[in-house]
Amino acid sequence: MGRGLILIVEDEAIIAIDIKKSLLEMGYDVTPVAGSGEDAIHKAEEYKPDLVLMDIVMPGKIDGIEAAKQIQSRFDIPVVFLTAYADKETIDRAKLTEPFGYIAKPFTDKDLYSNIEIALYKYKMEKKLRHNLNIEHRLNKQLLKREERIKELKDENEQLKLKLQELEGKKG
């Protein structure tokens, strides 16, 4: 296995072939290319890639932004947008999906490589952070339960001391 498994979502076959060739030369593994938003969701579910390179404008019922939103929420797979559209409205819509990158076409192999590497690293660190936060949350819950139990035991201990003093007072 290479540096990571990448799903390319691109409806223009020549561009998709060129991206795939570049990724393979860089040492990445590549799933079969998806040509629509719907196809991207199916392939993400089937192949569980490490990263999705997503075109925004594609044929079908859903565009790349909607597909990215579903892929991230359903499968927790990071998405980098690869698009010729860099207008404010498109970028504002894309931002809402919290992408791990946004590469404007035309791009170079260096652009592709650096964005993929940063996205994979950022995702790995965010996943590790979420894992550590979950552990911290569980430990805090356990600590709170133990603190509550300690308080209960202290209260019981105080009640037993009072009963003992009462019993000793009756003896004497």
N, C-alpha and C. Protein backbone atom coordinates (compact mmCIF):
# COMPACT_ATOMS: atom_id res chain seq x y z
N MET A 1 0.84 -1.19 0.00
CA MET A 1 0.00 0.00 0.00
C MET A 1 0.88 1.24 0.00
N GLY A 2 0.43 2.26 -0.70
CA GLY A 2 1.20 3.49 -0.84
C GLY A 2 0.99 4.46 0.32
N ARG A 3 1.10 5.71 0.00
CA ARG A 3 1.01 6.78 0.99
C ARG A 3 -0.40 6.97 1.52
N GLY A 4 -1.39 6.47 0.83
CA GLY A 4 -2.80 6.62 1.22
C GLY A 4 -3.67 6.31 0.02
N LEU A 5 -4.91 5.97 0.30
CA LEU A 5 -5.87 5.65 -0.76
C LEU A 5 -6.70 6.90 -1.06
N ILE A 6 -6.71 7.32 -2.31
CA ILE A 6 -7.38 8.55 -2.72
C ILE A 6 -8.53 8.22 -3.67
N LEU A 7 -9.67 8.86 -3.43
CA LEU A 7 -10.81 8.79 -4.33
C LEU A 7 -10.86 10.10 -5.11
N ILE A 8 -10.80 10.00 -6.42
CA ILE A 8 -10.91 11.17 -7.31
C ILE A 8 -12.35 11.26 -7.77
N VAL A 9 -12.95 12.44 -7.59
CA VAL A 9 -14.31 12.68 -8.06
C VAL A 9 -14.22 13.78 -9.11
N GLU A 10 -14.29 13.37 -10.36
CA GLU A 10 -14.10 14.29 -11.49
C GLU A 10 -14.88 13.77 -12.68
N ASP A 11 -15.75 14.63 -13.25
CA ASP A 11 -16.58 14.18 -14.36
C ASP A 11 -15.88 14.28 -15.72
N GLU A 12 -14.78 15.01 -15.80
CA GLU A 12 -14.05 15.11 -17.07
C GLU A 12 -12.96 14.04 -17.10
N ALA A 13 -13.16 13.06 -17.97
CA ALA A 13 -12.30 11.86 -18.00
C ALA A 13 -10.83 12.19 -18.19
N ILE A 14 -10.51 13.11 -19.07
CA ILE A 14 -9.10 13.44 -19.34
C ILE A 14 -8.43 14.01 -18.09
N ILE A 15 -9.14 14.88 -17.39
CA ILE A 15 -8.60 15.47 -16.15
C ILE A 15 -8.44 14.38 -15.10
N ALA A 16 -9.44 13.51 -14.97
CA ALA A 16 -9.40 12.43 -13.98
C ALA A 16 -8.21 11.50 -14.24
N ILE A 17 -7.98 11.15 -15.50
CA ILE A 17 -6.87 10.28 -15.86
C ILE A 17 -5.53 10.95 -15.52
N ASP A 18 -5.42 12.24 -15.80
CA ASP A 18 -4.20 12.99 -15.51
C ASP A 18 -3.94 13.05 -14.00
N ILE A 19 -4.99 13.31 -13.22
CA ILE A 19 -4.85 13.36 -11.76
C ILE A 19 -4.43 11.99 -11.23
N LYS A 20 -5.10 10.95 -11.73
CA LYS A 20 -4.79 9.59 -11.27
C LYS A 20 -3.34 9.23 -11.58
N LYS A 21 -2.89 9.56 -12.78
CA LYS A 21 -1.50 9.29 -13.16
C LYS A 21 -0.53 10.01 -12.22
N SER A 22 -0.81 11.28 -11.94
CA SER A 22 0.06 12.05 -11.04
C SER A 22 0.09 11.44 -9.64
N LEU A 23 -1.09 11.07 -9.13
CA LEU A 23 -1.16 10.49 -7.79
C LEU A 23 -0.39 9.17 -7.71
N LEU A 24 -0.54 8.34 -8.72
CA LEU A 24 0.18 7.07 -8.73
C LEU A 24 1.70 7.31 -8.75
N GLU A 25 2.14 8.29 -9.54
CA GLU A 25 3.57 8.62 -9.58
C GLU A 25 4.07 9.15 -8.24
N MET A 26 3.19 9.79 -7.48
CA MET A 26 3.56 10.30 -6.16
C MET A 26 3.54 9.22 -5.08
N GLY A 27 3.06 8.03 -5.44
CA GLY A 27 3.06 6.92 -4.48
C GLY A 27 1.74 6.68 -3.78
N TYR A 28 0.68 7.34 -4.21
CA TYR A 28 -0.63 7.11 -3.62
C TYR A 28 -1.33 5.97 -4.34
N ASP A 29 -2.23 5.31 -3.65
CA ASP A 29 -3.13 4.34 -4.27
C ASP A 29 -4.39 5.10 -4.64
N VAL A 30 -5.05 4.69 -5.71
CA VAL A 30 -6.21 5.42 -6.20
C VAL A 30 -7.36 4.44 -6.44
N THR A 31 -8.53 4.80 -5.95
CA THR A 31 -9.73 3.99 -6.21
C THR A 31 -10.19 4.24 -7.64
N PRO A 32 -11.16 3.49 -8.12
CA PRO A 32 -11.78 3.85 -9.40
C PRO A 32 -12.38 5.27 -9.29
N VAL A 33 -12.29 6.03 -10.35
CA VAL A 33 -12.75 7.42 -10.36
C VAL A 33 -14.27 7.48 -10.30
N ALA A 34 -14.79 8.46 -9.56
CA ALA A 34 -16.23 8.73 -9.52
C ALA A 34 -16.52 9.92 -10.42
N GLY A 35 -17.61 9.84 -11.17
CA GLY A 35 -17.93 10.90 -12.12
C GLY A 35 -19.11 11.76 -11.74
N SER A 36 -19.69 11.51 -10.56
CA SER A 36 -20.83 12.31 -10.09
C SER A 36 -20.83 12.31 -8.57
N GLY A 37 -21.64 13.20 -8.00
CA GLY A 37 -21.75 13.25 -6.54
C GLY A 37 -22.29 11.96 -5.96
N GLU A 38 -23.30 11.42 -6.62
CA GLU A 38 -23.90 10.17 -6.15
C GLU A 38 -22.89 9.02 -6.20
N ASP A 39 -22.15 8.96 -7.30
CA ASP A 39 -21.13 7.93 -7.48
C ASP A 39 -20.03 8.10 -6.42
N ALA A 40 -19.70 9.34 -6.09
CA ALA A 40 -18.68 9.60 -5.07
C ALA A 40 -19.09 9.03 -3.72
N ILE A 41 -20.34 9.21 -3.36
CA ILE A 41 -20.83 8.70 -2.07
C ILE A 41 -20.76 7.18 -2.06
N HIS A 42 -21.18 6.54 -3.14
CA HIS A 42 -21.14 5.07 -3.22
C HIS A 42 -19.71 4.55 -3.15
N LYS A 43 -18.81 5.20 -3.88
CA LYS A 43 -17.42 4.74 -3.89
C LYS A 43 -16.73 5.00 -2.55
N ALA A 44 -17.09 6.11 -1.90
CA ALA A 44 -16.52 6.39 -0.57
C ALA A 44 -16.95 5.30 0.42
N GLU A 45 -18.20 4.90 0.33
CA GLU A 45 -18.69 3.84 1.21
C GLU A 45 -18.02 2.50 0.89
N GLU A 46 -17.86 2.22 -0.39
CA GLU A 46 -17.29 0.95 -0.81
C GLU A 46 -15.80 0.83 -0.52
N TYR A 47 -15.02 1.87 -0.83
CA TYR A 47 -13.56 1.79 -0.76
C TYR A 47 -12.96 2.37 0.52
N LYS A 48 -13.72 3.18 1.23
CA LYS A 48 -13.22 3.83 2.46
C LYS A 48 -11.85 4.48 2.24
N PRO A 49 -11.77 5.42 1.31
CA PRO A 49 -10.46 6.04 1.03
C PRO A 49 -9.98 6.89 2.21
N ASP A 50 -8.71 7.22 2.19
CA ASP A 50 -8.13 8.09 3.21
C ASP A 50 -8.46 9.56 2.94
N LEU A 51 -8.75 9.87 1.67
CA LEU A 51 -9.01 11.25 1.26
C LEU A 51 -9.80 11.25 -0.04
N VAL A 52 -10.64 12.27 -0.19
CA VAL A 52 -11.39 12.45 -1.43
C VAL A 52 -10.97 13.76 -2.08
N LEU A 53 -10.59 13.69 -3.36
CA LEU A 53 -10.35 14.90 -4.16
C LEU A 53 -11.64 15.13 -4.94
N MET A 54 -12.34 16.22 -4.65
CA MET A 54 -13.71 16.41 -5.12
C MET A 54 -13.84 17.64 -6.01
N ASP A 55 -14.28 17.39 -7.25
CA ASP A 55 -14.68 18.49 -8.13
C ASP A 55 -16.02 19.01 -7.59
N ILE A 56 -16.33 20.26 -7.83
CA ILE A 56 -17.57 20.82 -7.29
C ILE A 56 -18.73 20.72 -8.28
N VAL A 57 -18.50 21.14 -9.52
CA VAL A 57 -19.58 21.15 -10.50
C VAL A 57 -19.53 19.85 -11.29
N MET A 58 -20.60 19.04 -11.14
CA MET A 58 -20.67 17.74 -11.80
C MET A 58 -22.11 17.44 -12.19
N PRO A 59 -22.28 16.50 -13.09
CA PRO A 59 -23.64 16.12 -13.46
C PRO A 59 -24.30 15.32 -12.34
N GLY A 60 -25.61 15.27 -12.36
CA GLY A 60 -26.33 14.49 -11.36
C GLY A 60 -27.16 15.38 -10.45
N LYS A 61 -27.81 14.74 -9.52
CA LYS A 61 -28.72 15.45 -8.62
C LYS A 61 -27.99 16.26 -7.56
N ILE A 62 -26.79 15.80 -7.19
CA ILE A 62 -26.06 16.55 -6.15
C ILE A 62 -24.68 16.95 -6.67
N ASP A 63 -24.26 18.13 -6.27
CA ASP A 63 -22.94 18.61 -6.70
C ASP A 63 -21.87 18.13 -5.72
N GLY A 64 -20.64 18.54 -5.98
CA GLY A 64 -19.52 18.11 -5.15
C GLY A 64 -19.59 18.59 -3.71
N ILE A 65 -20.17 19.77 -3.51
CA ILE A 65 -20.27 20.30 -2.15
C ILE A 65 -21.23 19.45 -1.32
N GLU A 66 -22.38 19.12 -1.89
CA GLU A 66 -23.34 18.27 -1.17
C GLU A 66 -22.77 16.87 -0.97
N ALA A 67 -22.10 16.34 -1.97
CA ALA A 67 -21.49 15.01 -1.83
C ALA A 67 -20.43 15.02 -0.73
N ALA A 68 -19.63 16.09 -0.68
CA ALA A 68 -18.60 16.20 0.36
C ALA A 68 -19.22 16.22 1.75
N LYS A 69 -20.30 16.97 1.88
CA LYS A 69 -21.00 17.05 3.17
C LYS A 69 -21.45 15.66 3.62
N GLN A 70 -22.04 14.92 2.70
CA GLN A 70 -22.52 13.58 3.05
C GLN A 70 -21.37 12.61 3.34
N ILE A 71 -20.32 12.68 2.55
CA ILE A 71 -19.17 11.79 2.76
C ILE A 71 -18.52 12.06 4.11
N GLN A 72 -18.37 13.33 4.45
CA GLN A 72 -17.74 13.65 5.73
C GLN A 72 -18.63 13.25 6.90
N SER A 73 -19.92 13.50 6.80
CA SER A 73 -20.79 13.18 7.93
C SER A 73 -21.05 11.68 8.07
N ARG A 74 -21.18 10.98 6.96
CA ARG A 74 -21.50 9.55 7.02
C ARG A 74 -20.28 8.67 7.24
N PHE A 75 -19.14 9.05 6.64
CA PHE A 75 -17.98 8.15 6.65
C PHE A 75 -16.74 8.75 7.31
N ASP A 76 -16.81 10.01 7.71
CA ASP A 76 -15.67 10.68 8.35
C ASP A 76 -14.41 10.59 7.48
N ILE A 77 -14.56 10.98 6.22
CA ILE A 77 -13.44 10.98 5.29
C ILE A 77 -13.16 12.43 4.89
N PRO A 78 -11.92 12.87 4.98
CA PRO A 78 -11.61 14.26 4.62
C PRO A 78 -11.72 14.50 3.12
N VAL A 79 -12.11 15.73 2.78
CA VAL A 79 -12.30 16.12 1.39
C VAL A 79 -11.46 17.34 1.07
N VAL A 80 -10.81 17.29 -0.10
CA VAL A 80 -10.12 18.46 -0.67
C VAL A 80 -10.84 18.77 -1.98
N PHE A 81 -11.30 20.01 -2.10
CA PHE A 81 -11.96 20.40 -3.34
C PHE A 81 -10.93 20.72 -4.41
N LEU A 82 -11.22 20.26 -5.62
CA LEU A 82 -10.40 20.50 -6.81
C LEU A 82 -11.34 21.10 -7.83
N THR A 83 -11.26 22.40 -8.07
CA THR A 83 -12.29 23.00 -8.92
C THR A 83 -11.81 24.22 -9.69
N ALA A 84 -12.48 24.49 -10.78
CA ALA A 84 -12.20 25.69 -11.56
C ALA A 84 -12.99 26.87 -11.01
N TYR A 85 -13.88 26.62 -10.06
CA TYR A 85 -14.74 27.67 -9.52
C TYR A 85 -14.17 28.21 -8.22
N ALA A 86 -13.75 29.46 -8.27
CA ALA A 86 -13.17 30.10 -7.08
C ALA A 86 -13.91 31.40 -6.77
N ASP A 87 -15.17 31.49 -7.21
CA ASP A 87 -15.95 32.70 -6.90
C ASP A 87 -16.39 32.66 -5.44
N LYS A 88 -16.74 33.82 -4.91
CA LYS A 88 -17.08 33.97 -3.49
C LYS A 88 -18.24 33.05 -3.08
N GLU A 89 -19.27 32.99 -3.89
CA GLU A 89 -20.44 32.18 -3.54
C GLU A 89 -20.08 30.69 -3.42
N THR A 90 -19.30 30.18 -4.36
CA THR A 90 -18.89 28.78 -4.34
C THR A 90 -17.99 28.50 -3.14
N ILE A 91 -17.05 29.39 -2.91
CA ILE A 91 -16.14 29.21 -1.76
C ILE A 91 -16.92 29.27 -0.45
N ASP A 92 -17.86 30.20 -0.35
CA ASP A 92 -18.67 30.30 0.87
C ASP A 92 -19.48 29.02 1.11
N ARG A 93 -20.05 28.45 0.07
CA ARG A 93 -20.78 27.18 0.21
C ARG A 93 -19.82 26.05 0.60
N ALA A 94 -18.67 26.02 -0.06
CA ALA A 94 -17.69 24.96 0.21
C ALA A 94 -17.16 25.04 1.64
N LYS A 95 -16.95 26.24 2.14
CA LYS A 95 -16.42 26.41 3.50
C LYS A 95 -17.30 25.74 4.54
N LEU A 96 -18.59 25.74 4.31
CA LEU A 96 -19.53 25.17 5.28
C LEU A 96 -19.32 23.67 5.49
N THR A 97 -18.69 23.00 4.53
CA THR A 97 -18.40 21.57 4.67
C THR A 97 -17.10 21.32 5.42
N GLU A 98 -16.39 22.39 5.76
CA GLU A 98 -15.11 22.30 6.46
C GLU A 98 -14.12 21.39 5.71
N PRO A 99 -13.84 21.75 4.46
CA PRO A 99 -12.92 20.92 3.68
C PRO A 99 -11.50 20.99 4.24
N PHE A 100 -10.71 20.02 3.87
CA PHE A 100 -9.31 20.00 4.30
C PHE A 100 -8.41 20.68 3.28
N GLY A 101 -9.01 21.25 2.24
CA GLY A 101 -8.26 21.98 1.24
C GLY A 101 -9.16 22.42 0.10
N TYR A 102 -8.64 23.35 -0.69
CA TYR A 102 -9.39 23.88 -1.84
C TYR A 102 -8.36 24.25 -2.88
N ILE A 103 -8.28 23.49 -3.94
CA ILE A 103 -7.28 23.72 -4.98
C ILE A 103 -8.00 24.22 -6.23
N ALA A 104 -7.59 25.38 -6.70
CA ALA A 104 -8.19 25.95 -7.90
C ALA A 104 -7.48 25.41 -9.13
N LYS A 105 -8.27 25.01 -10.14
CA LYS A 105 -7.72 24.57 -11.42
C LYS A 105 -7.36 25.80 -12.24
N PRO A 106 -6.34 25.75 -13.03
CA PRO A 106 -5.39 24.65 -13.19
C PRO A 106 -4.41 24.61 -12.01
N PHE A 107 -3.88 23.46 -11.72
CA PHE A 107 -2.97 23.28 -10.61
C PHE A 107 -1.78 22.45 -11.07
N THR A 108 -0.74 22.47 -10.25
CA THR A 108 0.46 21.70 -10.56
C THR A 108 0.49 20.44 -9.69
N ASP A 109 1.38 19.53 -10.00
CA ASP A 109 1.55 18.35 -9.15
C ASP A 109 2.00 18.75 -7.75
N LYS A 110 2.81 19.81 -7.66
CA LYS A 110 3.24 20.30 -6.34
C LYS A 110 2.05 20.78 -5.53
N ASP A 111 1.12 21.50 -6.18
CA ASP A 111 -0.10 21.95 -5.50
C ASP A 111 -0.88 20.74 -4.97
N LEU A 112 -1.02 19.76 -5.81
CA LEU A 112 -1.76 18.56 -5.47
C LEU A 112 -1.09 17.83 -4.30
N TYR A 113 0.20 17.58 -4.43
CA TYR A 113 0.95 16.85 -3.41
C TYR A 113 0.91 17.57 -2.06
N SER A 114 1.21 18.86 -2.05
CA SER A 114 1.27 19.59 -0.78
C SER A 114 -0.09 19.64 -0.11
N ASN A 115 -1.15 19.85 -0.88
CA ASN A 115 -2.49 19.89 -0.29
C ASN A 115 -2.92 18.53 0.25
N ILE A 116 -2.61 17.47 -0.47
CA ILE A 116 -2.96 16.13 0.00
C ILE A 116 -2.21 15.80 1.29
N GLU A 117 -0.92 16.05 1.30
CA GLU A 117 -0.12 15.73 2.49
C GLU A 117 -0.58 16.52 3.71
N ILE A 118 -0.85 17.80 3.53
CA ILE A 118 -1.33 18.63 4.65
C ILE A 118 -2.70 18.13 5.11
N ALA A 119 -3.58 17.82 4.17
CA ALA A 119 -4.92 17.34 4.52
C ALA A 119 -4.85 16.02 5.28
N LEU A 120 -4.05 15.08 4.80
CA LEU A 120 -3.92 13.79 5.48
C LEU A 120 -3.35 13.96 6.88
N TYR A 121 -2.35 14.81 7.02
CA TYR A 121 -1.74 15.04 8.33
C TYR A 121 -2.73 15.72 9.27
N LYS A 122 -3.40 16.75 8.77
CA LYS A 122 -4.37 17.48 9.59
C LYS A 122 -5.49 16.54 10.05
N TYR A 123 -5.98 15.71 9.15
CA TYR A 123 -7.03 14.77 9.50
C TYR A 123 -6.55 13.79 10.56
N LYS A 124 -5.35 13.28 10.37
CA LYS A 124 -4.77 12.33 11.34
C LYS A 124 -4.67 12.97 12.73
N MET A 125 -4.22 14.22 12.78
CA MET A 125 -4.09 14.92 14.06
C MET A 125 -5.46 15.22 14.67
N GLU A 126 -6.42 15.61 13.86
CA GLU A 126 -7.76 15.88 14.37
C GLU A 126 -8.40 14.61 14.91
N LYS A 127 -8.17 13.50 14.21
CA LYS A 127 -8.72 12.22 14.66
C LYS A 127 -8.08 11.82 15.99
N LYS A 128 -6.78 12.01 16.11
CA LYS A 128 -6.08 11.70 17.36
C LYS A 128 -6.59 12.60 18.49
N LEU A 129 -6.82 13.87 18.19
CA LEU A 129 -7.34 14.81 19.18
C LEU A 129 -8.73 14.38 19.63
N ARG A 130 -9.61 14.02 18.68
CA ARG A 130 -10.96 13.57 19.04
C ARG A 130 -10.88 12.32 19.92
N HIS A 131 -9.99 11.41 19.57
CA HIS A 131 -9.80 10.19 20.36
C HIS A 131 -9.37 10.55 21.79
N ASN A 132 -8.37 11.43 21.90
CA ASN A 132 -7.89 11.83 23.22
C ASN A 132 -8.95 12.57 24.02
N LEU A 133 -9.76 13.39 23.35
CA LEU A 133 -10.85 14.09 24.04
C LEU A 133 -11.90 13.11 24.54
N ASN A 134 -12.16 12.06 23.75
CA ASN A 134 -13.10 11.03 24.20
C ASN A 134 -12.57 10.31 25.43
N ILE A 135 -11.29 9.99 25.42
CA ILE A 135 -10.68 9.34 26.58
C ILE A 135 -10.77 10.27 27.79
N GLU A 136 -10.43 11.54 27.59
CA GLU A 136 -10.50 12.50 28.69
C GLU A 136 -11.92 12.59 29.24
N HIS A 137 -12.90 12.62 28.36
CA HIS A 137 -14.30 12.70 28.78
C HIS A 137 -14.69 11.47 29.62
N ARG A 138 -14.30 10.28 29.13
CA ARG A 138 -14.59 9.06 29.89
C ARG A 138 -13.90 9.07 31.25
N LEU A 139 -12.65 9.50 31.28
CA LEU A 139 -11.91 9.54 32.54
C LEU A 139 -12.54 10.55 33.51
N ASN A 140 -12.97 11.68 32.98
CA ASN A 140 -13.63 12.68 33.83
C ASN A 140 -14.93 12.13 34.42
N LYS A 141 -15.69 11.37 33.61
CA LYS A 141 -16.92 10.76 34.12
C LYS A 141 -16.60 9.75 35.23
N GLN A 142 -15.57 8.94 35.00
CA GLN A 142 -15.18 7.96 36.01
C GLN A 142 -14.71 8.65 37.29
N LEU A 143 -13.94 9.73 37.11
CA LEU A 143 -13.45 10.48 38.27
C LEU A 143 -14.62 11.07 39.05
N LEU A 144 -15.58 11.62 38.35
CA LEU A 144 -16.75 12.20 39.01
C LEU A 144 -17.52 11.14 39.78
N LYS A 145 -17.69 9.96 39.18
CA LYS A 145 -18.37 8.86 39.88
C LYS A 145 -17.60 8.45 41.13
N ARG A 146 -16.28 8.40 41.03
CA ARG A 146 -15.47 8.02 42.20
C ARG A 146 -15.53 9.09 43.28
N GLU A 147 -15.52 10.34 42.88
CA GLU A 147 -15.64 11.43 43.86
C GLU A 147 -16.99 11.37 44.57
N GLU A 148 -18.04 11.07 43.81
CA GLU A 148 -19.37 10.92 44.41
C GLU A 148 -19.38 9.75 45.39
N ARG A 149 -18.75 8.65 45.00
CA ARG A 149 -18.70 7.47 45.87
C ARG A 149 -17.89 7.76 47.13
N ILE A 150 -16.80 8.50 46.99
CA ILE A 150 -16.00 8.88 48.17
C ILE A 150 -16.84 9.71 49.12
N LYS A 151 -17.61 10.65 48.59
CA LYS A 151 -18.48 11.49 49.43
C LYS A 151 -19.52 10.62 50.13
N GLU A 152 -20.11 9.66 49.39
CA GLU A 152 -21.09 8.75 50.01
C GLU A 152 -20.45 7.96 51.15
N LEU A 153 -19.24 7.46 50.92
CA LEU A 153 -18.56 6.68 51.95
C LEU A 153 -18.20 7.54 53.16
N LYS A 154 -17.80 8.77 52.92
CA LYS A 154 -17.50 9.68 54.03
C LYS A 154 -18.75 9.96 54.84
N ASP A 155 -19.86 10.17 54.16
CA ASP A 155 -21.13 10.41 54.85
C ASP A 155 -21.54 9.19 55.67
N GLU A 156 -21.41 8.00 55.07
CA GLU A 156 -21.73 6.76 55.79
C GLU A 156 -20.80 6.60 56.99
N ASN A 157 -19.54 6.91 56.81
CA ASN A 157 -18.56 6.82 57.88
C ASN A 157 -18.94 7.75 59.04
N GLU A 158 -19.35 8.97 58.72
CA GLU A 158 -19.77 9.92 59.76
C GLU A 158 -21.00 9.41 60.50
N GLN A 159 -21.94 8.82 59.78
CA GLN A 159 -23.14 8.26 60.41
C GLN A 159 -22.77 7.10 61.33
N LEU A 160 -21.84 6.26 60.88
CA LEU A 160 -21.39 5.14 61.72
C LEU A 160 -20.67 5.64 62.97
N LYS A 161 -19.88 6.70 62.84
CA LYS A 161 -19.20 7.28 64.01
C LYS A 161 -20.22 7.79 65.02
N LEU A 162 -21.25 8.46 64.51
CA LEU A 162 -22.30 8.97 65.41
C LEU A 162 -23.03 7.82 66.11
N LYS A 163 -23.34 6.77 65.40
CA LYS A 163 -24.00 5.60 65.98
C LYS A 163 -23.10 4.95 67.02
N LEU A 164 -21.81 4.87 66.71
CA LEU A 164 -20.84 4.28 67.62
C LEU A 164 -20.76 5.12 68.90
N GLN A 165 -20.70 6.42 68.76
CA GLN A 165 -20.66 7.31 69.92
C GLN A 165 -21.95 7.16 70.75
N GLU A 166 -23.07 7.02 70.07
CA GLU A 166 -24.35 6.85 70.74
C GLU A 166 -24.37 5.55 71.53
N LEU A 167 -23.85 4.47 70.91
CA LEU A 167 -23.80 3.17 71.57
C LEU A 167 -22.83 3.20 72.76
N GLU A 168 -21.69 3.85 72.60
CA GLU A 168 -20.72 3.97 73.69
C GLU A 168 -21.29 4.77 74.83
N GLY A 169 -22.11 5.80 74.50
CA GLY A 169 -22.75 6.63 75.52
C GLY A 169 -23.78 5.84 76.30
N LYS A 170 -24.47 4.89 75.71
CA LYS A 170 -25.45 4.07 76.38
C LYS A 170 -24.79 3.05 77.31
N LYS A 171 -23.58 2.59 76.95
CA LYS A 171 -22.83 1.60 77.74
C LYS A 171 -22.34 2.25 79.03
N GLY A 172 -21.91 3.46 78.92
CA GLY A 172 -21.23 4.10 80.04
C GLY A 172 -22.12 4.77 80.96
